[in-house]
Amino acid sequence: MSVPERKGVSVGASGALFGLLGAMLSELITNWTIYTNRFAAMMNLIIIAAINLALGILPHVDNFAHIGGFATGFLVGFVLLIQPQFGWLEQPFGGKSKSKYKAYQIILLLVALVLLIAG
């Protein structure tokens, strides 16, 4: 017996929730030095994502939306959730200041934009 092919649009908020999980993971990686229980926070996020992805094998669940939302949230999280740089805020007005964004954040922004356009 063959599995019927599903044709239609998948809707729901689970892709967006996985995007938030991905953004939380990128924020944890970016601000790694600020956290006291780093590995507990990392394992907590990984376990939650793994359980939700495992539930994605149930019928009528679109795991591709979960994976896409997680990847997008992970990439965009590196761009939008910048590491606090307190010295950047103390620059005098009109003085020469360095960018508040790091090189990897600019690269990930470009990757996210390319994926959005190609999408």
C-alpha atoms as a PDB file:
ATOM      1  CA  MET A   1       0.000   0.000   0.000  1.00  0.00           C
ATOM      2  CA  SER A   2       1.490   3.309  -1.013  1.00  0.00           C
ATOM      3  CA  VAL A   3       1.332   6.497   0.972  1.00  0.00           C
ATOM      4  CA  PRO A   4      -0.886   9.116  -0.708  1.00  0.00           C
ATOM      5  CA  GLU A   5       0.933  12.207  -1.869  1.00  0.00           C
ATOM      6  CA  ARG A   6      -0.054  15.284   0.051  1.00  0.00           C
ATOM      7  CA  LYS A   7      -0.746  18.360  -2.004  1.00  0.00           C
ATOM      8  CA  GLY A   8      -1.476  21.603  -0.275  1.00  0.00           C
ATOM      9  CA  VAL A   9      -0.144  24.410   1.783  1.00  0.00           C
ATOM     10  CA  SER A  10       1.149  23.826   5.270  1.00  0.00           C
ATOM     11  CA  VAL A  11       0.196  26.487   7.796  1.00  0.00           C
ATOM     12  CA  GLY A  12       0.864  26.963  11.467  1.00  0.00           C
ATOM     13  CA  ALA A  13       3.043  28.709  13.955  1.00  0.00           C
ATOM     14  CA  SER A  14       5.450  25.854  14.609  1.00  0.00           C
ATOM     15  CA  GLY A  15       7.972  27.099  12.018  1.00  0.00           C
ATOM     16  CA  ALA A  16       8.021  30.485  13.747  1.00  0.00           C
ATOM     17  CA  LEU A  17       8.468  28.827  17.141  1.00  0.00           C
ATOM     18  CA  PHE A  18      11.421  26.882  15.798  1.00  0.00           C
ATOM     19  CA  GLY A  19      12.758  30.200  14.500  1.00  0.00           C
ATOM     20  CA  LEU A  20      12.666  31.497  18.058  1.00  0.00           C
ATOM     21  CA  LEU A  21      14.521  28.384  19.239  1.00  0.00           C
ATOM     22  CA  GLY A  22      17.185  28.987  16.594  1.00  0.00           C
ATOM     23  CA  ALA A  23      17.479  32.638  17.603  1.00  0.00           C
ATOM     24  CA  MET A  24      17.852  31.623  21.241  1.00  0.00           C
ATOM     25  CA  LEU A  25      20.655  29.229  20.290  1.00  0.00           C
ATOM     26  CA  SER A  26      22.511  31.897  18.299  1.00  0.00           C
ATOM     27  CA  GLU A  27      22.090  34.359  21.179  1.00  0.00           C
ATOM     28  CA  LEU A  28      23.515  31.774  23.569  1.00  0.00           C
ATOM     29  CA  ILE A  29      26.530  31.232  21.313  1.00  0.00           C
ATOM     30  CA  THR A  30      27.071  34.973  20.780  1.00  0.00           C
ATOM     31  CA  ASN A  31      26.879  35.839  24.486  1.00  0.00           C
ATOM     32  CA  TRP A  32      28.602  32.661  25.694  1.00  0.00           C
ATOM     33  CA  THR A  33      30.813  34.474  28.217  1.00  0.00           C
ATOM     34  CA  ILE A  34      27.882  36.138  29.998  1.00  0.00           C
ATOM     35  CA  TYR A  35      26.124  32.888  30.985  1.00  0.00           C
ATOM     36  CA  THR A  36      26.978  31.070  34.207  1.00  0.00           C
ATOM     37  CA  ASN A  37      25.368  27.702  33.364  1.00  0.00           C
ATOM     38  CA  ARG A  38      26.415  27.551  29.709  1.00  0.00           C
ATOM     39  CA  PHE A  39      26.210  23.846  29.123  1.00  0.00           C
ATOM     40  CA  ALA A  40      22.890  23.487  30.955  1.00  0.00           C
ATOM     41  CA  ALA A  41      21.369  26.210  28.768  1.00  0.00           C
ATOM     42  CA  MET A  42      22.836  24.633  25.606  1.00  0.00           C
ATOM     43  CA  MET A  43      21.593  21.161  26.508  1.00  0.00           C
ATOM     44  CA  ASN A  44      18.168  22.538  27.396  1.00  0.00           C
ATOM     45  CA  LEU A  45      17.788  24.133  23.949  1.00  0.00           C
ATOM     46  CA  ILE A  46      19.119  21.074  22.131  1.00  0.00           C
ATOM     47  CA  ILE A  47      16.820  18.689  24.018  1.00  0.00           C
ATOM     48  CA  ILE A  48      13.748  20.856  23.373  1.00  0.00           C
ATOM     49  CA  ALA A  49      14.574  21.103  19.655  1.00  0.00           C
ATOM     50  CA  ALA A  50      15.275  17.359  19.411  1.00  0.00           C
ATOM     51  CA  ILE A  51      12.008  16.397  21.098  1.00  0.00           C
ATOM     52  CA  ASN A  52      10.038  18.716  18.831  1.00  0.00           C
ATOM     53  CA  LEU A  53      11.814  17.416  15.728  1.00  0.00           C
ATOM     54  CA  ALA A  54      11.090  13.842  16.858  1.00  0.00           C
ATOM     55  CA  LEU A  55       7.412  14.750  17.123  1.00  0.00           C
ATOM     56  CA  GLY A  56       7.691  15.911  13.524  1.00  0.00           C
ATOM     57  CA  ILE A  57       7.548  12.312  12.308  1.00  0.00           C
ATOM     58  CA  LEU A  58       3.869  12.194  13.246  1.00  0.00           C
ATOM     59  CA  PRO A  59       1.436  12.341  10.342  1.00  0.00           C
ATOM     60  CA  HIS A  60       0.330  15.769   9.096  1.00  0.00           C
ATOM     61  CA  VAL A  61       3.321  17.540  10.676  1.00  0.00           C
ATOM     62  CA  ASP A  62       5.586  19.527   8.376  1.00  0.00           C
ATOM     63  CA  ASN A  63       9.103  18.949   9.660  1.00  0.00           C
ATOM     64  CA  PHE A  64      10.552  20.988   6.785  1.00  0.00           C
ATOM     65  CA  ALA A  65       8.884  24.090   8.246  1.00  0.00           C
ATOM     66  CA  HIS A  66      10.489  23.286  11.589  1.00  0.00           C
ATOM     67  CA  ILE A  67      13.953  22.861  10.089  1.00  0.00           C
ATOM     68  CA  GLY A  68      13.615  25.951   7.889  1.00  0.00           C
ATOM     69  CA  GLY A  69      12.360  28.065  10.780  1.00  0.00           C
ATOM     70  CA  PHE A  70      15.197  26.882  13.024  1.00  0.00           C
ATOM     71  CA  ALA A  71      17.866  27.577  10.393  1.00  0.00           C
ATOM     72  CA  THR A  72      16.437  31.008   9.590  1.00  0.00           C
ATOM     73  CA  GLY A  73      16.125  31.968  13.249  1.00  0.00           C
ATOM     74  CA  PHE A  74      19.667  30.750  13.874  1.00  0.00           C
ATOM     75  CA  LEU A  75      21.122  32.864  11.051  1.00  0.00           C
ATOM     76  CA  VAL A  76      19.069  35.984  11.693  1.00  0.00           C
ATOM     77  CA  GLY A  77      19.695  35.681  15.438  1.00  0.00           C
ATOM     78  CA  PHE A  78      23.416  36.211  14.870  1.00  0.00           C
ATOM     79  CA  VAL A  79      22.613  39.448  13.072  1.00  0.00           C
ATOM     80  CA  LEU A  80      19.890  40.913  15.261  1.00  0.00           C
ATOM     81  CA  LEU A  81      20.975  39.722  18.705  1.00  0.00           C
ATOM     82  CA  ILE A  82      24.322  41.454  18.880  1.00  0.00           C
ATOM     83  CA  GLN A  83      26.709  40.890  21.738  1.00  0.00           C
ATOM     84  CA  PRO A  84      26.614  43.720  24.259  1.00  0.00           C
ATOM     85  CA  GLN A  85      29.673  45.876  23.710  1.00  0.00           C
ATOM     86  CA  PHE A  86      29.646  48.391  26.505  1.00  0.00           C
ATOM     87  CA  GLY A  87      32.702  50.249  25.185  1.00  0.00           C
ATOM     88  CA  TRP A  88      30.839  50.984  21.958  1.00  0.00           C
ATOM     89  CA  LEU A  89      28.191  52.936  23.860  1.00  0.00           C
ATOM     90  CA  GLU A  90      30.777  55.074  25.665  1.00  0.00           C
ATOM     91  CA  GLN A  91      32.301  56.532  22.496  1.00  0.00           C
ATOM     92  CA  PRO A  92      32.171  60.345  22.476  1.00  0.00           C
ATOM     93  CA  PHE A  93      29.875  61.990  19.979  1.00  0.00           C
ATOM     94  CA  GLY A  94      31.745  62.724  16.782  1.00  0.00           C
ATOM     95  CA  GLY A  95      34.695  60.593  17.865  1.00  0.00           C
ATOM     96  CA  LYS A  96      36.042  57.776  15.773  1.00  0.00           C
ATOM     97  CA  SER A  97      34.117  54.688  16.730  1.00  0.00           C
ATOM     98  CA  LYS A  98      34.309  51.127  15.591  1.00  0.00           C
ATOM     99  CA  SER A  99      31.298  49.309  14.243  1.00  0.00           C
ATOM    100  CA  LYS A 100      29.055  47.651  16.787  1.00  0.00           C
ATOM    101  CA  TYR A 101      28.750  44.666  14.435  1.00  0.00           C
ATOM    102  CA  LYS A 102      31.424  42.026  14.136  1.00  0.00           C
ATOM    103  CA  ALA A 103      32.611  40.587  10.821  1.00  0.00           C
ATOM    104  CA  TYR A 104      30.781  37.279  11.277  1.00  0.00           C
ATOM    105  CA  GLN A 105      27.503  39.116  11.892  1.00  0.00           C
ATOM    106  CA  ILE A 106      27.827  40.980   8.598  1.00  0.00           C
ATOM    107  CA  ILE A 107      28.671  37.743   6.773  1.00  0.00           C
ATOM    108  CA  LEU A 108      25.681  35.947   8.318  1.00  0.00           C
ATOM    109  CA  LEU A 109      23.451  38.897   7.412  1.00  0.00           C
ATOM    110  CA  LEU A 110      24.520  38.542   3.784  1.00  0.00           C
ATOM    111  CA  VAL A 111      23.930  34.764   3.900  1.00  0.00           C
ATOM    112  CA  ALA A 112      20.468  35.335   5.384  1.00  0.00           C
ATOM    113  CA  LEU A 113      19.632  37.915   2.704  1.00  0.00           C
ATOM    114  CA  VAL A 114      20.780  35.608  -0.097  1.00  0.00           C
ATOM    115  CA  LEU A 115      18.682  32.761   1.321  1.00  0.00           C
ATOM    116  CA  LEU A 116      15.691  35.088   1.646  1.00  0.00           C
ATOM    117  CA  ILE A 117      15.983  36.244  -1.969  1.00  0.00           C
ATOM    118  CA  ALA A 118      16.614  32.722  -3.291  1.00  0.00           C
ATOM    119  CA  GLY A 119      13.897  31.337  -1.037  1.00  0.00           C
END
